[in-house]
Protein backbone atom coordinates (compact mmCIF):
# COMPACT_ATOMS: atom_id res chain seq x y z
CA MET A 1 -21.48 1.34 2.92
CA LYS A 2 -24.27 3.01 4.87
CA GLY A 3 -26.84 1.62 2.44
CA VAL A 4 -25.52 -1.93 2.76
CA VAL A 5 -25.60 -1.70 6.56
CA LYS A 6 -29.15 -0.36 6.39
CA LEU A 7 -30.26 -3.29 4.20
CA PHE A 8 -28.67 -5.81 6.56
CA ARG A 9 -30.39 -4.10 9.52
CA LEU A 10 -33.75 -4.45 7.79
CA GLY A 11 -33.09 -8.17 7.41
CA LYS A 12 -31.89 -8.45 11.05
CA ARG A 13 -28.50 -9.67 9.78
CA GLU A 14 -26.23 -6.75 10.72
CA GLU A 15 -24.01 -9.03 12.85
CA GLU A 16 -22.73 -10.53 9.59
CA LEU A 17 -21.14 -7.15 8.71
CA HIS A 18 -19.81 -6.26 12.17
CA GLN A 19 -16.02 -5.76 11.87
CA GLU A 20 -15.90 -7.44 8.45
CA ILE A 21 -14.19 -5.75 5.51
CA PHE A 22 -16.62 -5.54 2.61
CA VAL A 23 -15.40 -2.51 0.67
CA PHE A 24 -11.96 -2.00 -0.85
CA LEU A 25 -10.54 1.32 -2.02
CA ILE A 26 -7.47 1.78 -4.19
CA SER A 27 -5.74 5.14 -3.80
CA ASP A 28 -2.83 6.16 -5.99
CA ASN A 29 -0.59 9.04 -6.98
CA ASP A 30 2.61 9.32 -9.01
CA ARG A 31 4.69 7.54 -6.32
CA THR A 32 2.50 5.10 -4.39
CA VAL A 33 -0.54 2.86 -4.49
CA ARG A 34 -2.46 2.06 -1.31
CA ILE A 35 -5.20 -0.51 -0.83
CA TYR A 36 -7.62 0.09 2.02
CA GLY A 37 -10.31 -2.17 3.41
CA HIS A 38 -13.37 -0.47 4.92
CA TYR A 39 -15.50 -2.06 7.62
CA PRO A 40 -18.29 -1.10 10.04
CA VAL A 41 -18.36 -1.52 13.80
CA ILE A 42 -22.00 -1.95 14.76
CA ASN A 43 -23.02 -1.26 18.35
CA GLY A 44 -26.81 -1.37 18.69
CA ASN A 45 -28.25 1.38 16.51
CA LYS A 46 -24.88 3.15 16.19
CA THR A 47 -22.54 2.30 13.32
CA THR A 48 -18.99 3.61 13.02
CA PHE A 49 -16.95 3.10 9.86
CA TYR A 50 -13.21 2.46 9.83
CA ARG A 51 -10.55 1.78 7.25
CA TYR A 52 -7.57 -0.56 7.39
CA LEU A 53 -4.44 -0.23 5.27
CA VAL A 54 -4.14 -3.60 3.52
CA GLU A 55 -1.02 -2.87 1.46
CA LYS A 56 1.14 0.00 0.23
CA PHE A 57 3.33 -0.12 -2.86
CA ASP A 58 6.02 2.49 -3.44
CA PHE A 59 7.21 2.88 -7.04
CA THR A 60 10.25 4.90 -6.00
CA SER A 61 11.77 2.19 -3.82
CA LYS A 62 14.73 0.20 -5.10
CA ASP A 63 15.98 3.28 -6.97
CA SER A 64 13.11 3.07 -9.47
CA LYS A 65 14.00 -0.49 -10.50
CA GLU A 66 11.36 -3.21 -10.99
CA LYS A 67 8.49 -0.85 -11.72
């Protein structure tokens, strides 16, 4: 993500990335799957990265039915 922000800064187009999700991460274990969206908040030369929980799936809900 840092590299993408750096490239957009070089092209003077960093406002296109500001608070826009452009990376997705899928995290899983034996019970759940979580999908996160990652986005930067750009304030001048400072960039802070955040993640947003898009969806969570629990395989143990409904008493293990409909897996």
